[in-house]
C-alpha atoms as a PDB file:
ATOM      1  CA  MET A   1     -93.424  22.514  90.533  1.00  0.00           C
ATOM      2  CA  PRO A   2     -89.654  22.518  91.172  1.00  0.00           C
ATOM      3  CA  HIS A   3     -88.487  20.137  93.865  1.00  0.00           C
ATOM      4  CA  LYS A   4     -87.476  21.614  97.175  1.00  0.00           C
ATOM      5  CA  ARG A   5     -84.129  20.760  98.721  1.00  0.00           C
ATOM      6  CA  THR A   6     -83.914  20.595 102.483  1.00  0.00           C
ATOM      7  CA  ARG A   7     -81.391  19.400 105.017  1.00  0.00           C
ATOM      8  CA  ALA A   8     -81.468  19.247 108.792  1.00  0.00           C
ATOM      9  CA  SER A   9     -79.206  21.750 110.499  1.00  0.00           C
ATOM     10  CA  ALA A  10     -76.222  20.174 112.258  1.00  0.00           C
ATOM     11  CA  GLN A  11     -75.483  20.641 115.944  1.00  0.00           C
ATOM     12  CA  ILE A  12     -72.515  23.012 115.983  1.00  0.00           C
ATOM     13  CA  ASN A  13     -70.411  24.136 118.917  1.00  0.00           C
ATOM     14  CA  GLU A  14     -69.114  27.685 119.095  1.00  0.00           C
ATOM     15  CA  SER A  15     -65.585  26.259 119.271  1.00  0.00           C
ATOM     16  CA  GLN A  16     -65.990  25.209 115.646  1.00  0.00           C
ATOM     17  CA  ASN A  17     -66.173  28.803 114.414  1.00  0.00           C
ATOM     18  CA  THR A  18     -63.480  29.443 111.814  1.00  0.00           C
ATOM     19  CA  PHE A  19     -62.272  32.967 111.105  1.00  0.00           C
ATOM     20  CA  HIS A  20     -59.715  33.602 108.379  1.00  0.00           C
ATOM     21  CA  TYR A  21     -58.949  37.156 109.436  1.00  0.00           C
ATOM     22  CA  GLU A  22     -58.503  38.720 112.842  1.00  0.00           C
ATOM     23  CA  GLU A  23     -60.988  41.358 111.711  1.00  0.00           C
ATOM     24  CA  ALA A  24     -63.556  38.619 111.131  1.00  0.00           C
ATOM     25  CA  LYS A  25     -63.176  37.297 114.669  1.00  0.00           C
ATOM     26  CA  VAL A  26     -63.595  40.806 116.070  1.00  0.00           C
ATOM     27  CA  ARG A  27     -66.693  41.325 113.907  1.00  0.00           C
ATOM     28  CA  TYR A  28     -68.186  38.081 115.180  1.00  0.00           C
ATOM     29  CA  GLU A  29     -67.626  38.930 118.852  1.00  0.00           C
ATOM     30  CA  SER A  30     -68.711  42.569 118.628  1.00  0.00           C
ATOM     31  CA  ILE A  31     -71.546  42.415 116.089  1.00  0.00           C
ATOM     32  CA  PHE A  32     -72.888  39.016 115.081  1.00  0.00           C
ATOM     33  CA  LYS A  33     -72.456  36.701 118.071  1.00  0.00           C
ATOM     34  CA  ASN A  34     -75.649  37.876 119.755  1.00  0.00           C
ATOM     35  CA  GLN A  35     -77.348  39.354 116.716  1.00  0.00           C
ATOM     36  CA  GLN A  36     -80.992  38.600 116.030  1.00  0.00           C
ATOM     37  CA  MET A  37     -81.795  36.704 112.853  1.00  0.00           C
ATOM     38  CA  HIS A  38     -84.046  38.471 110.389  1.00  0.00           C
ATOM     39  CA  PRO A  39     -87.168  36.262 110.046  1.00  0.00           C
ATOM     40  CA  LYS A  40     -87.675  34.544 106.696  1.00  0.00           C
ATOM     41  CA  LYS A  41     -91.356  34.666 105.869  1.00  0.00           C
ATOM     42  CA  GLY A  42     -92.710  33.487 102.573  1.00  0.00           C
ATOM     43  CA  PHE A  43     -96.289  32.545 101.854  1.00  0.00           C
ATOM     44  CA  THR A  44     -98.155  29.599 100.409  1.00  0.00           C
ATOM     45  CA  LEU A  45    -101.392  29.371  98.509  1.00  0.00           C
ATOM     46  CA  LYS A  46    -102.933  27.357 101.361  1.00  0.00           C
ATOM     47  CA  GLU A  47    -102.926  30.177 103.894  1.00  0.00           C
ATOM     48  CA  SER A  48    -106.279  31.776 104.669  1.00  0.00           C
ATOM     49  CA  SER A  49    -104.646  35.215 104.944  1.00  0.00           C
ATOM     50  CA  TYR A  50    -104.222  35.248 101.169  1.00  0.00           C
ATOM     51  CA  ILE A  51    -107.424  33.485 100.138  1.00  0.00           C
ATOM     52  CA  ASP A  52    -108.675  36.531  98.211  1.00  0.00           C
ATOM     53  CA  PHE A  53    -105.438  36.681  96.211  1.00  0.00           C
ATOM     54  CA  MET A  54    -104.714  33.009  95.551  1.00  0.00           C
ATOM     55  CA  GLU A  55    -105.284  33.184  91.812  1.00  0.00           C
ATOM     56  CA  CYS A  56    -103.332  36.438  91.402  1.00  0.00           C
ATOM     57  CA  ILE A  57    -100.398  35.090  93.428  1.00  0.00           C
ATOM     58  CA  ARG A  58    -100.454  31.865  91.435  1.00  0.00           C
ATOM     59  CA  GLN A  59    -100.454  33.710  88.120  1.00  0.00           C
ATOM     60  CA  VAL A  60     -97.533  35.925  89.098  1.00  0.00           C
ATOM     61  CA  SER A  61     -95.509  33.086  90.600  1.00  0.00           C
ATOM     62  CA  GLU A  62     -96.010  30.892  87.543  1.00  0.00           C
ATOM     63  CA  ALA A  63     -95.078  33.734  85.197  1.00  0.00           C
ATOM     64  CA  LEU A  64     -91.844  34.305  87.143  1.00  0.00           C
ATOM     65  CA  ASN A  65     -91.237  30.598  87.897  1.00  0.00           C
ATOM     66  CA  TRP A  66     -91.248  31.382  91.630  1.00  0.00           C
ATOM     67  CA  GLU A  67     -93.226  28.372  92.917  1.00  0.00           C
ATOM     68  CA  LEU A  68     -90.262  27.184  94.995  1.00  0.00           C
ATOM     69  CA  PHE A  69     -88.911  30.618  95.800  1.00  0.00           C
ATOM     70  CA  TYR A  70     -91.991  31.997  97.554  1.00  0.00           C
ATOM     71  CA  GLU A  71     -92.574  29.026  99.858  1.00  0.00           C
ATOM     72  CA  LYS A  72     -91.945  29.320 103.594  1.00  0.00           C
ATOM     73  CA  ARG A  73     -88.379  28.863 104.787  1.00  0.00           C
ATOM     74  CA  PRO A  74     -87.197  26.211 107.262  1.00  0.00           C
ATOM     75  CA  SER A  75     -85.226  27.093 110.369  1.00  0.00           C
ATOM     76  CA  VAL A  76     -81.463  27.608 110.067  1.00  0.00           C
ATOM     77  CA  ASP A  77     -78.402  27.280 112.257  1.00  0.00           C
ATOM     78  CA  GLU A  78     -77.699  30.779 113.545  1.00  0.00           C
ATOM     79  CA  GLU A  79     -74.063  29.926 114.319  1.00  0.00           C
ATOM     80  CA  LEU A  80     -73.385  29.292 110.638  1.00  0.00           C
ATOM     81  CA  VAL A  81     -75.125  32.478 109.595  1.00  0.00           C
ATOM     82  CA  CYS A  82     -73.157  34.602 112.055  1.00  0.00           C
ATOM     83  CA  GLU A  83     -69.883  33.003 110.994  1.00  0.00           C
ATOM     84  CA  PHE A  84     -70.669  33.755 107.359  1.00  0.00           C
ATOM     85  CA  TYR A  85     -71.357  37.430 108.005  1.00  0.00           C
ATOM     86  CA  ALA A  86     -68.313  37.767 110.272  1.00  0.00           C
ATOM     87  CA  ASN A  87     -66.072  36.436 107.495  1.00  0.00           C
ATOM     88  CA  LEU A  88     -67.780  38.678 104.931  1.00  0.00           C
ATOM     89  CA  ILE A  89     -65.405  41.567 105.620  1.00  0.00           C
ATOM     90  CA  SER A  90     -65.667  43.170 102.173  1.00  0.00           C
ATOM     91  CA  ASN A  91     -68.371  43.602  99.569  1.00  0.00           C
ATOM     92  CA  GLU A  92     -65.809  42.647  96.929  1.00  0.00           C
ATOM     93  CA  LEU A  93     -65.395  39.053  98.143  1.00  0.00           C
ATOM     94  CA  MET A  94     -66.540  36.393  95.674  1.00  0.00           C
ATOM     95  CA  GLU A  95     -66.628  33.573  98.250  1.00  0.00           C
ATOM     96  CA  VAL A  96     -66.571  33.132 102.023  1.00  0.00           C
ATOM     97  CA  SER A  97     -65.426  30.166 104.103  1.00  0.00           C
ATOM     98  CA  ILE A  98     -67.849  28.512 106.544  1.00  0.00           C
ATOM     99  CA  ARG A  99     -66.414  25.561 108.490  1.00  0.00           C
ATOM    100  CA  GLY A 100     -63.909  24.959 105.709  1.00  0.00           C
ATOM    101  CA  ILE A 101     -66.509  25.108 102.934  1.00  0.00           C
ATOM    102  CA  MET A 102     -66.054  27.926 100.448  1.00  0.00           C
ATOM    103  CA  VAL A 103     -69.460  29.483  99.867  1.00  0.00           C
ATOM    104  CA  PRO A 104     -69.790  31.282  96.519  1.00  0.00           C
ATOM    105  CA  ILE A 105     -71.260  34.759  96.762  1.00  0.00           C
ATOM    106  CA  THR A 106     -72.688  34.883  93.261  1.00  0.00           C
ATOM    107  CA  SER A 107     -76.053  35.497  91.713  1.00  0.00           C
ATOM    108  CA  ASN A 108     -75.665  32.258  89.743  1.00  0.00           C
ATOM    109  CA  ALA A 109     -75.382  30.162  92.925  1.00  0.00           C
ATOM    110  CA  ILE A 110     -78.507  31.747  94.401  1.00  0.00           C
ATOM    111  CA  ASN A 111     -80.508  31.288  91.216  1.00  0.00           C
ATOM    112  CA  GLU A 112     -79.295  27.713  90.817  1.00  0.00           C
ATOM    113  CA  PHE A 113     -80.622  26.679  94.213  1.00  0.00           C
ATOM    114  CA  PHE A 114     -84.054  28.166  93.579  1.00  0.00           C
ATOM    115  CA  GLU A 115     -84.006  26.829  90.002  1.00  0.00           C
ATOM    116  CA  LEU A 116     -84.381  30.326  88.639  1.00  0.00           C
ATOM    117  CA  PRO A 117     -82.841  31.678  85.423  1.00  0.00           C
ATOM    118  CA  ASP A 118     -80.041  34.209  85.089  1.00  0.00           C
ATOM    119  CA  PHE A 119     -80.849  37.243  82.971  1.00  0.00           C
ATOM    120  CA  ASP A 120     -78.374  39.248  80.917  1.00  0.00           C
ATOM    121  CA  LYS A 121     -80.859  42.106  80.856  1.00  0.00           C
ATOM    122  CA  HIS A 122     -82.165  42.784  84.335  1.00  0.00           C
ATOM    123  CA  LYS A 123     -85.351  44.884  84.212  1.00  0.00           C
ATOM    124  CA  TYR A 124     -84.943  46.104  87.772  1.00  0.00           C
ATOM    125  CA  SER A 125     -81.470  47.551  87.203  1.00  0.00           C
ATOM    126  CA  SER A 126     -82.397  49.162  83.896  1.00  0.00           C
ATOM    127  CA  LEU A 127     -85.508  50.824  85.321  1.00  0.00           C
ATOM    128  CA  MET A 128     -83.742  52.060  88.457  1.00  0.00           C
ATOM    129  CA  SER A 129     -80.938  53.599  86.409  1.00  0.00           C
ATOM    130  CA  ASN A 130     -83.283  55.326  83.954  1.00  0.00           C
ATOM    131  CA  ILE A 131     -86.414  56.090  85.932  1.00  0.00           C
ATOM    132  CA  GLU A 132     -88.460  59.015  84.636  1.00  0.00           C
ATOM    133  CA  SER A 133     -91.417  60.952  86.005  1.00  0.00           C
ATOM    134  CA  GLU A 134     -93.829  58.948  83.857  1.00  0.00           C
ATOM    135  CA  ASN A 135     -92.429  55.739  85.357  1.00  0.00           C
ATOM    136  CA  LEU A 136     -93.035  57.093  88.848  1.00  0.00           C
ATOM    137  CA  GLN A 137     -96.648  57.878  88.028  1.00  0.00           C
ATOM    138  CA  GLU A 138     -97.196  54.472  86.423  1.00  0.00           C
ATOM    139  CA  ILE A 139     -95.813  52.773  89.540  1.00  0.00           C
ATOM    140  CA  LEU A 140     -98.231  54.699  91.757  1.00  0.00           C
ATOM    141  CA  LYS A 141    -101.129  53.875  89.456  1.00  0.00           C
ATOM    142  CA  GLU A 142    -100.328  50.154  89.515  1.00  0.00           C
ATOM    143  CA  LEU A 143     -99.571  49.770  93.227  1.00  0.00           C
ATOM    144  CA  THR A 144    -101.572  52.306  95.200  1.00  0.00           C
ATOM    145  CA  VAL A 145    -105.113  53.432  95.843  1.00  0.00           C
ATOM    146  CA  LEU A 146    -106.536  56.414  94.009  1.00  0.00           C
ATOM    147  CA  GLY A 147    -105.179  59.755  95.190  1.00  0.00           C
ATOM    148  CA  SER A 148    -101.878  58.461  96.556  1.00  0.00           C
ATOM    149  CA  LYS A 149     -98.729  60.539  96.139  1.00  0.00           C
ATOM    150  CA  TRP A 150     -95.008  60.050  96.466  1.00  0.00           C
ATOM    151  CA  MET A 151     -93.372  61.514  99.523  1.00  0.00           C
ATOM    152  CA  VAL A 152     -90.362  63.556  98.426  1.00  0.00           C
ATOM    153  CA  PRO A 153     -88.372  65.221 101.239  1.00  0.00           C
ATOM    154  CA  LYS A 154     -85.688  67.844 100.713  1.00  0.00           C
ATOM    155  CA  GLN A 155     -83.170  65.134  99.824  1.00  0.00           C
ATOM    156  CA  GLY A 156     -85.276  64.362  96.759  1.00  0.00           C
ATOM    157  CA  ILE A 157     -85.601  60.638  97.548  1.00  0.00           C
ATOM    158  CA  HIS A 158     -89.003  59.206  96.610  1.00  0.00           C
ATOM    159  CA  THR A 159     -90.768  57.011  99.163  1.00  0.00           C
ATOM    160  CA  CYS A 160     -94.322  55.771  99.638  1.00  0.00           C
ATOM    161  CA  ARG A 161     -96.445  54.988 102.681  1.00  0.00           C
ATOM    162  CA  ARG A 162     -97.404  51.331 103.018  1.00  0.00           C
ATOM    163  CA  GLU A 163    -100.981  52.348 103.818  1.00  0.00           C
ATOM    164  CA  TYR A 164    -101.304  53.682 100.254  1.00  0.00           C
ATOM    165  CA  LEU A 165    -100.777  50.242  98.694  1.00  0.00           C
ATOM    166  CA  THR A 166    -103.625  48.203  97.282  1.00  0.00           C
ATOM    167  CA  ARG A 167    -104.426  44.981  99.147  1.00  0.00           C
ATOM    168  CA  LEU A 168    -102.651  42.830  96.564  1.00  0.00           C
ATOM    169  CA  ALA A 169     -99.595  45.095  96.583  1.00  0.00           C
ATOM    170  CA  LYS A 170     -99.448  44.804 100.387  1.00  0.00           C
ATOM    171  CA  VAL A 171     -99.319  41.012 100.099  1.00  0.00           C
ATOM    172  CA  TRP A 172     -96.360  41.150  97.723  1.00  0.00           C
ATOM    173  CA  PHE A 173     -94.639  43.872  99.740  1.00  0.00           C
ATOM    174  CA  TYR A 174     -94.759  41.488 102.707  1.00  0.00           C
ATOM    175  CA  PHE A 175     -92.846  39.015 100.540  1.00  0.00           C
ATOM    176  CA  ILE A 176     -90.290  41.607  99.434  1.00  0.00           C
ATOM    177  CA  ARG A 177     -89.784  42.861 102.980  1.00  0.00           C
ATOM    178  CA  PHE A 178     -88.892  39.447 104.365  1.00  0.00           C
ATOM    179  CA  ILE A 179     -87.331  37.687 101.374  1.00  0.00           C
ATOM    180  CA  LEU A 180     -85.946  39.842  98.556  1.00  0.00           C
ATOM    181  CA  MET A 181     -85.038  43.159 100.161  1.00  0.00           C
ATOM    182  CA  PRO A 182     -85.275  42.591 103.923  1.00  0.00           C
ATOM    183  CA  ILE A 183     -85.965  45.530 106.168  1.00  0.00           C
ATOM    184  CA  SER A 184     -86.859  45.695 109.853  1.00  0.00           C
ATOM    185  CA  HIS A 185     -89.614  48.290 109.425  1.00  0.00           C
ATOM    186  CA  GLY A 186     -92.269  48.583 106.766  1.00  0.00           C
ATOM    187  CA  THR A 187     -94.320  51.743 107.235  1.00  0.00           C
ATOM    188  CA  THR A 188     -92.359  53.689 104.622  1.00  0.00           C
ATOM    189  CA  ILE A 189     -91.375  52.004 101.364  1.00  0.00           C
ATOM    190  CA  SER A 190     -88.251  53.019  99.471  1.00  0.00           C
ATOM    191  CA  LEU A 191     -88.248  53.690  95.740  1.00  0.00           C
ATOM    192  CA  GLU A 192     -86.111  50.567  95.215  1.00  0.00           C
ATOM    193  CA  ARG A 193     -88.745  48.361  96.821  1.00  0.00           C
ATOM    194  CA  MET A 194     -91.583  50.109  95.012  1.00  0.00           C
ATOM    195  CA  VAL A 195     -89.874  49.498  91.672  1.00  0.00           C
ATOM    196  CA  LEU A 196     -89.327  45.840  92.519  1.00  0.00           C
ATOM    197  CA  LEU A 197     -92.935  45.481  93.666  1.00  0.00           C
ATOM    198  CA  TYR A 198     -94.133  47.083  90.442  1.00  0.00           C
ATOM    199  CA  LEU A 199     -92.086  44.728  88.252  1.00  0.00           C
ATOM    200  CA  ILE A 200     -93.366  41.701  90.160  1.00  0.00           C
ATOM    201  CA  LEU A 201     -96.994  42.667  89.709  1.00  0.00           C
ATOM    202  CA  ILE A 202     -96.670  43.363  85.988  1.00  0.00           C
ATOM    203  CA  GLY A 203     -94.740  40.116  85.471  1.00  0.00           C
ATOM    204  CA  LYS A 204     -91.439  41.497  84.172  1.00  0.00           C
ATOM    205  CA  THR A 205     -88.193  39.535  84.270  1.00  0.00           C
ATOM    206  CA  ILE A 206     -86.437  39.770  87.624  1.00  0.00           C
ATOM    207  CA  ASP A 207     -83.027  38.296  88.376  1.00  0.00           C
ATOM    208  CA  VAL A 208     -83.538  37.180  91.970  1.00  0.00           C
ATOM    209  CA  GLY A 209     -79.882  36.244  92.380  1.00  0.00           C
ATOM    210  CA  LYS A 210     -78.668  39.717  91.442  1.00  0.00           C
ATOM    211  CA  ILE A 211     -81.064  41.418  93.845  1.00  0.00           C
ATOM    212  CA  ILE A 212     -80.167  39.182  96.792  1.00  0.00           C
ATOM    213  CA  LEU A 213     -76.458  39.430  95.961  1.00  0.00           C
ATOM    214  CA  ARG A 214     -76.590  43.211  96.071  1.00  0.00           C
ATOM    215  CA  GLU A 215     -78.310  43.140  99.452  1.00  0.00           C
ATOM    216  CA  ILE A 216     -75.729  40.689 100.821  1.00  0.00           C
ATOM    217  CA  GLN A 217     -72.874  42.849  99.560  1.00  0.00           C
ATOM    218  CA  ASN A 218     -74.292  45.797 101.492  1.00  0.00           C
ATOM    219  CA  CYS A 219     -74.079  43.863 104.774  1.00  0.00           C
ATOM    220  CA  PRO A 220     -70.369  44.435 105.599  1.00  0.00           C
ATOM    221  CA  ALA A 221     -71.092  48.132 106.096  1.00  0.00           C
ATOM    222  CA  ARG A 222     -73.846  47.500 108.646  1.00  0.00           C
ATOM    223  CA  ARG A 223     -72.911  47.179 112.311  1.00  0.00           C
ATOM    224  CA  SER A 224     -76.372  46.685 113.788  1.00  0.00           C
ATOM    225  CA  GLY A 225     -79.801  45.283 112.996  1.00  0.00           C
ATOM    226  CA  PRO A 226     -80.854  41.713 112.182  1.00  0.00           C
ATOM    227  CA  ALA A 227     -78.646  39.443 110.071  1.00  0.00           C
ATOM    228  CA  TYR A 228     -80.314  39.247 106.667  1.00  0.00           C
ATOM    229  CA  PHE A 229     -80.688  36.304 104.286  1.00  0.00           C
ATOM    230  CA  SER A 230     -80.030  33.681 106.932  1.00  0.00           C
ATOM    231  CA  PHE A 231     -81.718  30.891 104.980  1.00  0.00           C
ATOM    232  CA  THR A 232     -80.145  31.777 101.646  1.00  0.00           C
ATOM    233  CA  LYS A 233     -76.607  31.718 102.984  1.00  0.00           C
ATOM    234  CA  ILE A 234     -77.052  28.337 104.654  1.00  0.00           C
ATOM    235  CA  ILE A 235     -78.397  26.628 101.548  1.00  0.00           C
ATOM    236  CA  LEU A 236     -75.490  27.886  99.477  1.00  0.00           C
ATOM    237  CA  CYS A 237     -73.006  25.983 101.614  1.00  0.00           C
ATOM    238  CA  LEU A 238     -74.894  22.678 101.898  1.00  0.00           C
END
């Protein structure tokens, strides 16, 4: 199993906050200063909640080399997280400064920490860009109980109710919801998360760094809700 790197969070005073743009300081004061951290919840094979799925989880995690990635996350320093997101003023930035340390915002840096490979061909991106009706039906067949259907409103965006998922799919959706594609609610599942869940369960190659990077790059546009990927951003600057 890959070794796990940890480091105690330093005691940091608010006076140490460093903002390289006036806009960043305004963002910190108006959005992130008192923002709730999105909880980071992984799972381990020792937890009784997953006792019925231990072997399945182990098989998937070994196939994807995710033994380190799916473990529970330690606590983080919220001041550092908020400073990072305040300085992340554009989704085009390749690095962000935190206390004078330039933090790379790259899929390679994320994968390197978790000891995961980079993939030139990313199954998730290719499937999302070329999804067909037969793919949609195969996803339902793999992830949901018999008789389940996609919900397709007038906008034509496919979603699925969490209650339709099989028990094993619900376990992995819990992981996706708190680690890979964080979201504050989980009763309705987007097509993006269903596709990711499907690829996990069938053991296809997934570039974790690219998925997390995309989610991070979407953060500058949000002005409310929990700060996502708190743990990931701290480890990248240590």
